[in-house]
């Protein structure tokens, strides 16, 4: 069993930056790929950034050039660096990890971390 926990959310002014972390814990696993999603109450969940198994990255058009997804395999952690944040990006940000545990692929969601962009 793998446990995924996000952190790094908080209150930031428009134009500010935050770095979110998604830490996976357990035994005998490696992160195969990872996504960051966001969702506001009453709205559909939106894919913000993707890190593929080959290390390629994909971003929603609205965040391209401002957000960066990366990983630290030694820490089993995926990051989302968010710059020049906008008020409309106030959302719950969640991590979705695809994990390889001894050749078995499973998917795990974290509980999310709240990002509030406001002056």
N, C-alpha and C. Protein backbone atom coordinates (compact mmCIF):
# COMPACT_ATOMS: atom_id res chain seq x y z
N UNK A 1 0.85 -1.19 0.00
CA UNK A 1 0.00 0.00 0.00
C UNK A 1 0.89 1.25 0.00
N UNK A 2 0.54 2.19 -0.84
CA UNK A 2 1.28 3.45 -0.93
C UNK A 2 0.37 4.58 -0.44
N UNK A 3 0.97 5.47 0.32
CA UNK A 3 0.23 6.61 0.86
C UNK A 3 0.78 7.88 0.22
N UNK A 4 -0.12 8.73 -0.29
CA UNK A 4 0.29 9.95 -0.98
C UNK A 4 -0.22 11.16 -0.21
N UNK A 5 0.66 12.09 0.08
CA UNK A 5 0.30 13.27 0.86
C UNK A 5 0.82 14.52 0.18
N UNK A 6 -0.07 15.47 -0.06
CA UNK A 6 0.33 16.76 -0.62
C UNK A 6 0.58 17.77 0.50
N UNK A 7 1.41 18.75 0.21
CA UNK A 7 1.67 19.84 1.14
C UNK A 7 2.13 21.05 0.34
N UNK A 8 2.22 22.18 1.02
CA UNK A 8 2.74 23.38 0.40
C UNK A 8 1.70 24.41 0.00
N UNK A 9 0.43 24.06 0.15
CA UNK A 9 -0.60 25.03 -0.16
C UNK A 9 -0.67 26.14 0.87
N UNK A 10 -1.47 27.14 0.58
CA UNK A 10 -1.63 28.25 1.51
C UNK A 10 -2.19 29.46 0.83
N UNK A 11 -2.06 30.58 1.50
CA UNK A 11 -2.54 31.86 0.98
C UNK A 11 -1.39 32.62 0.34
N UNK A 12 -1.61 33.09 -0.87
CA UNK A 12 -0.59 33.84 -1.59
C UNK A 12 -1.28 34.97 -2.35
N UNK A 13 -0.58 36.07 -2.50
CA UNK A 13 -1.14 37.20 -3.24
C UNK A 13 -1.06 36.95 -4.75
N UNK A 14 -1.93 37.57 -5.51
CA UNK A 14 -1.82 37.45 -6.97
C UNK A 14 -0.43 37.86 -7.44
N UNK A 15 0.12 37.07 -8.35
CA UNK A 15 1.48 37.29 -8.82
C UNK A 15 2.52 36.56 -8.00
N UNK A 16 2.11 35.97 -6.90
CA UNK A 16 3.05 35.26 -6.05
C UNK A 16 3.31 33.83 -6.50
N UNK A 17 4.12 33.13 -5.72
CA UNK A 17 4.53 31.77 -6.07
C UNK A 17 4.32 30.82 -4.89
N UNK A 18 4.10 29.56 -5.24
CA UNK A 18 4.05 28.48 -4.26
C UNK A 18 4.68 27.24 -4.87
N UNK A 19 5.23 26.40 -4.03
CA UNK A 19 5.69 25.10 -4.50
C UNK A 19 4.96 24.01 -3.72
N UNK A 20 4.20 23.21 -4.45
CA UNK A 20 3.48 22.10 -3.85
C UNK A 20 4.33 20.85 -3.90
N UNK A 21 4.17 20.03 -2.88
CA UNK A 21 4.88 18.74 -2.83
C UNK A 21 3.87 17.60 -2.73
N UNK A 22 4.22 16.50 -3.34
CA UNK A 22 3.40 15.28 -3.30
C UNK A 22 4.34 14.14 -2.91
N UNK A 23 4.29 13.75 -1.66
CA UNK A 23 5.21 12.73 -1.14
C UNK A 23 4.50 11.38 -1.05
N UNK A 24 5.11 10.37 -1.63
CA UNK A 24 4.57 9.01 -1.58
C UNK A 24 5.39 8.18 -0.61
N UNK A 25 4.72 7.40 0.20
CA UNK A 25 5.42 6.56 1.17
C UNK A 25 4.88 5.14 1.10
N UNK A 26 5.72 4.20 1.46
CA UNK A 26 5.37 2.79 1.41
C UNK A 26 6.65 2.00 1.26
N UNK A 27 6.56 0.82 0.69
CA UNK A 27 7.76 0.02 0.51
C UNK A 27 7.75 -0.65 -0.86
N UNK A 28 8.94 -0.74 -1.42
CA UNK A 28 9.13 -1.50 -2.65
C UNK A 28 8.49 -0.90 -3.89
N UNK A 29 8.32 0.43 -3.92
CA UNK A 29 7.64 1.01 -5.07
C UNK A 29 8.51 2.09 -5.72
N UNK A 30 8.11 2.48 -6.92
CA UNK A 30 8.68 3.65 -7.58
C UNK A 30 7.55 4.38 -8.29
N UNK A 31 7.70 5.66 -8.40
CA UNK A 31 6.67 6.46 -9.07
C UNK A 31 6.84 6.31 -10.57
N UNK A 32 5.81 5.84 -11.22
CA UNK A 32 5.84 5.62 -12.66
C UNK A 32 5.52 6.91 -13.41
N UNK A 33 4.46 7.57 -13.03
CA UNK A 33 4.08 8.85 -13.60
C UNK A 33 3.26 9.60 -12.55
N UNK A 34 3.07 10.90 -12.77
CA UNK A 34 2.35 11.69 -11.77
C UNK A 34 1.63 12.85 -12.44
N UNK A 35 0.48 13.16 -11.90
CA UNK A 35 -0.32 14.28 -12.38
C UNK A 35 -0.67 15.19 -11.20
N UNK A 36 -0.83 16.47 -11.51
CA UNK A 36 -1.43 17.42 -10.58
C UNK A 36 -2.76 17.88 -11.17
N UNK A 37 -3.79 17.82 -10.34
CA UNK A 37 -5.12 18.28 -10.72
C UNK A 37 -5.52 19.41 -9.77
N UNK A 38 -6.52 20.16 -10.18
CA UNK A 38 -7.11 21.16 -9.30
C UNK A 38 -8.62 21.17 -9.52
N UNK A 39 -9.31 21.56 -8.46
CA UNK A 39 -10.76 21.59 -8.53
C UNK A 39 -11.31 22.60 -7.54
N UNK A 40 -12.22 23.42 -8.01
CA UNK A 40 -12.94 24.36 -7.15
C UNK A 40 -14.33 23.80 -6.89
N UNK A 41 -14.95 24.19 -5.78
CA UNK A 41 -16.30 23.69 -5.49
C UNK A 41 -17.27 23.96 -6.64
N UNK A 42 -18.00 22.94 -7.06
CA UNK A 42 -18.98 23.11 -8.12
C UNK A 42 -18.41 23.07 -9.51
N UNK A 43 -17.10 22.89 -9.62
CA UNK A 43 -16.46 22.84 -10.94
C UNK A 43 -15.85 21.47 -11.19
N UNK A 44 -15.60 21.19 -12.46
CA UNK A 44 -14.96 19.91 -12.81
C UNK A 44 -13.48 19.95 -12.45
N UNK A 45 -12.97 18.76 -12.16
CA UNK A 45 -11.54 18.64 -11.89
C UNK A 45 -10.76 18.89 -13.18
N UNK A 46 -9.69 19.63 -13.06
CA UNK A 46 -8.88 20.01 -14.22
C UNK A 46 -7.46 19.47 -14.08
N UNK A 47 -6.98 18.84 -15.14
CA UNK A 47 -5.59 18.39 -15.16
C UNK A 47 -4.69 19.60 -15.39
N UNK A 48 -3.77 19.83 -14.48
CA UNK A 48 -2.90 20.99 -14.55
C UNK A 48 -1.55 20.64 -15.17
N UNK A 49 -0.97 19.53 -14.72
CA UNK A 49 0.36 19.16 -15.20
C UNK A 49 0.54 17.65 -15.11
N UNK A 50 1.32 17.13 -16.03
CA UNK A 50 1.59 15.68 -16.08
C UNK A 50 3.07 15.44 -16.28
N UNK A 51 3.58 14.47 -15.54
CA UNK A 51 4.96 14.01 -15.71
C UNK A 51 4.88 12.53 -16.09
N UNK A 52 5.32 12.22 -17.29
CA UNK A 52 5.17 10.86 -17.79
C UNK A 52 6.29 9.96 -17.28
N UNK A 53 6.14 8.68 -17.55
CA UNK A 53 7.15 7.71 -17.11
C UNK A 53 8.50 7.96 -17.77
N UNK A 54 8.49 8.59 -18.92
CA UNK A 54 9.74 8.86 -19.63
C UNK A 54 10.31 10.23 -19.28
N UNK A 55 9.63 10.92 -18.37
CA UNK A 55 10.15 12.22 -17.96
C UNK A 55 9.63 13.39 -18.76
N UNK A 56 8.73 13.13 -19.70
CA UNK A 56 8.14 14.23 -20.46
C UNK A 56 7.11 14.96 -19.59
N UNK A 57 6.91 16.22 -19.88
CA UNK A 57 5.95 17.02 -19.12
C UNK A 57 4.90 17.60 -20.05
N UNK A 58 3.69 17.70 -19.55
CA UNK A 58 2.58 18.30 -20.28
C UNK A 58 1.84 19.23 -19.32
N UNK A 59 1.35 20.35 -19.85
CA UNK A 59 0.67 21.33 -19.03
C UNK A 59 -0.62 21.80 -19.68
N UNK A 60 -1.56 22.19 -18.83
CA UNK A 60 -2.74 22.86 -19.33
C UNK A 60 -2.31 24.18 -19.97
N UNK A 61 -3.00 24.58 -21.00
CA UNK A 61 -2.63 25.81 -21.70
C UNK A 61 -2.59 27.01 -20.75
N UNK A 62 -3.49 27.03 -19.79
CA UNK A 62 -3.61 28.18 -18.90
C UNK A 62 -2.42 28.34 -17.96
N UNK A 63 -1.62 27.28 -17.78
CA UNK A 63 -0.50 27.38 -16.84
C UNK A 63 0.86 27.26 -17.53
N UNK A 64 0.87 26.99 -18.82
CA UNK A 64 2.14 26.82 -19.54
C UNK A 64 2.98 28.08 -19.41
N UNK A 65 4.24 27.86 -19.03
CA UNK A 65 5.16 28.98 -18.86
C UNK A 65 5.19 29.51 -17.44
N UNK A 66 4.23 29.11 -16.61
CA UNK A 66 4.18 29.58 -15.23
C UNK A 66 4.35 28.44 -14.22
N UNK A 67 3.89 27.25 -14.57
CA UNK A 67 3.96 26.09 -13.67
C UNK A 67 5.01 25.11 -14.18
N UNK A 68 5.67 24.43 -13.24
CA UNK A 68 6.65 23.41 -13.59
C UNK A 68 6.47 22.20 -12.69
N UNK A 69 6.33 21.03 -13.32
CA UNK A 69 6.25 19.79 -12.56
C UNK A 69 7.60 19.09 -12.60
N UNK A 70 8.01 18.54 -11.48
CA UNK A 70 9.30 17.86 -11.41
C UNK A 70 9.22 16.75 -10.36
N UNK A 71 10.29 15.96 -10.29
CA UNK A 71 10.28 14.84 -9.35
C UNK A 71 11.65 14.66 -8.73
N UNK A 72 11.66 14.10 -7.52
CA UNK A 72 12.87 13.70 -6.84
C UNK A 72 12.67 12.23 -6.49
N UNK A 73 13.26 11.34 -7.28
CA UNK A 73 13.04 9.90 -7.06
C UNK A 73 13.61 9.43 -5.74
N UNK A 74 14.68 10.05 -5.29
CA UNK A 74 15.27 9.64 -4.01
C UNK A 74 14.32 9.89 -2.85
N UNK A 75 13.46 10.88 -3.01
CA UNK A 75 12.49 11.22 -1.96
C UNK A 75 11.08 10.74 -2.30
N UNK A 76 10.91 10.09 -3.46
CA UNK A 76 9.57 9.69 -3.92
C UNK A 76 8.59 10.85 -3.84
N UNK A 77 9.04 11.98 -4.32
CA UNK A 77 8.24 13.20 -4.22
C UNK A 77 8.15 13.88 -5.58
N UNK A 78 6.96 14.37 -5.88
CA UNK A 78 6.71 15.14 -7.09
C UNK A 78 6.36 16.56 -6.67
N UNK A 79 6.85 17.54 -7.39
CA UNK A 79 6.64 18.93 -7.05
C UNK A 79 5.85 19.65 -8.14
N UNK A 80 5.17 20.70 -7.75
CA UNK A 80 4.56 21.62 -8.69
C UNK A 80 4.95 23.03 -8.29
N UNK A 81 5.85 23.63 -9.05
CA UNK A 81 6.23 25.02 -8.84
C UNK A 81 5.24 25.90 -9.58
N UNK A 82 4.60 26.80 -8.87
CA UNK A 82 3.59 27.67 -9.46
C UNK A 82 4.01 29.12 -9.30
N UNK A 83 4.19 29.81 -10.40
CA UNK A 83 4.60 31.21 -10.40
C UNK A 83 3.51 32.09 -10.99
N UNK A 84 3.55 33.35 -10.63
CA UNK A 84 2.60 34.34 -11.16
C UNK A 84 1.16 33.84 -11.01
N UNK A 85 0.82 33.45 -9.82
CA UNK A 85 -0.50 32.89 -9.57
C UNK A 85 -1.60 33.93 -9.74
N UNK A 86 -2.75 33.47 -10.19
CA UNK A 86 -3.90 34.33 -10.43
C UNK A 86 -5.02 33.98 -9.44
N UNK A 87 -5.87 34.96 -9.17
CA UNK A 87 -6.93 34.73 -8.19
C UNK A 87 -7.86 33.60 -8.60
N UNK A 88 -8.07 33.45 -9.89
CA UNK A 88 -8.96 32.38 -10.36
C UNK A 88 -8.35 30.99 -10.22
N UNK A 89 -7.10 30.92 -9.77
CA UNK A 89 -6.47 29.63 -9.56
C UNK A 89 -6.58 29.16 -8.11
N UNK A 90 -7.43 29.81 -7.37
CA UNK A 90 -7.77 29.35 -6.04
C UNK A 90 -8.55 28.05 -6.16
N UNK A 91 -7.94 26.96 -5.70
CA UNK A 91 -8.51 25.63 -5.88
C UNK A 91 -7.90 24.67 -4.86
N UNK A 92 -8.49 23.48 -4.81
CA UNK A 92 -7.86 22.36 -4.10
C UNK A 92 -6.99 21.63 -5.12
N UNK A 93 -5.70 21.55 -4.84
CA UNK A 93 -4.76 20.90 -5.74
C UNK A 93 -4.45 19.50 -5.22
N UNK A 94 -4.61 18.53 -6.12
CA UNK A 94 -4.44 17.13 -5.72
C UNK A 94 -3.43 16.43 -6.63
N UNK A 95 -2.75 15.50 -6.05
CA UNK A 95 -1.74 14.72 -6.76
C UNK A 95 -2.30 13.34 -7.07
N UNK A 96 -2.00 12.83 -8.25
CA UNK A 96 -2.44 11.50 -8.69
C UNK A 96 -1.20 10.77 -9.17
N UNK A 97 -0.78 9.79 -8.40
CA UNK A 97 0.44 9.05 -8.70
C UNK A 97 0.10 7.68 -9.28
N UNK A 98 0.81 7.33 -10.34
CA UNK A 98 0.79 5.95 -10.84
C UNK A 98 2.09 5.32 -10.36
N UNK A 99 1.94 4.25 -9.62
CA UNK A 99 3.07 3.66 -8.90
C UNK A 99 3.32 2.23 -9.37
N UNK A 100 4.59 1.88 -9.50
CA UNK A 100 5.02 0.53 -9.84
C UNK A 100 5.57 -0.14 -8.58
N UNK A 101 4.85 -1.15 -8.11
CA UNK A 101 5.29 -1.89 -6.94
C UNK A 101 5.58 -3.32 -7.36
N UNK A 102 6.83 -3.62 -7.52
CA UNK A 102 7.27 -4.96 -7.95
C UNK A 102 6.53 -5.42 -9.20
N UNK A 103 6.38 -4.48 -10.16
CA UNK A 103 5.78 -4.81 -11.45
C UNK A 103 4.27 -4.66 -11.49
N UNK A 104 3.65 -4.35 -10.37
CA UNK A 104 2.20 -4.14 -10.32
C UNK A 104 1.93 -2.64 -10.34
N UNK A 105 1.10 -2.19 -11.26
CA UNK A 105 0.81 -0.76 -11.43
C UNK A 105 -0.49 -0.43 -10.69
N UNK A 106 -0.44 0.56 -9.85
CA UNK A 106 -1.63 1.05 -9.13
C UNK A 106 -1.63 2.57 -9.15
N UNK A 107 -2.81 3.13 -8.93
CA UNK A 107 -2.97 4.58 -8.91
C UNK A 107 -3.43 5.03 -7.53
N UNK A 108 -2.90 6.18 -7.10
CA UNK A 108 -3.24 6.69 -5.78
C UNK A 108 -3.49 8.19 -5.85
N UNK A 109 -4.52 8.61 -5.13
CA UNK A 109 -4.81 10.04 -4.96
C UNK A 109 -4.36 10.49 -3.57
N UNK A 110 -3.90 11.73 -3.50
CA UNK A 110 -3.70 12.35 -2.21
C UNK A 110 -4.97 13.04 -1.78
N UNK A 111 -4.93 13.64 -0.58
CA UNK A 111 -6.13 14.29 -0.03
C UNK A 111 -6.28 15.73 -0.53
N UNK A 112 -5.22 16.25 -1.13
CA UNK A 112 -5.27 17.61 -1.67
C UNK A 112 -4.71 18.65 -0.72
N UNK A 113 -4.28 19.75 -1.29
CA UNK A 113 -3.80 20.89 -0.51
C UNK A 113 -4.44 22.15 -1.09
N UNK A 114 -4.97 22.99 -0.22
CA UNK A 114 -5.72 24.16 -0.66
C UNK A 114 -4.78 25.31 -1.02
N UNK A 115 -5.00 25.88 -2.18
CA UNK A 115 -4.28 27.08 -2.62
C UNK A 115 -5.29 28.21 -2.74
N UNK A 116 -5.02 29.30 -2.05
CA UNK A 116 -5.88 30.48 -2.10
C UNK A 116 -5.05 31.66 -2.58
N UNK A 117 -5.48 32.23 -3.70
CA UNK A 117 -4.78 33.37 -4.28
C UNK A 117 -5.66 34.60 -4.07
N UNK A 118 -5.21 35.47 -3.19
CA UNK A 118 -6.04 36.62 -2.83
C UNK A 118 -5.18 37.72 -2.23
N UNK A 119 -5.60 38.95 -2.48
CA UNK A 119 -4.90 40.08 -1.88
C UNK A 119 -5.57 40.50 -0.57
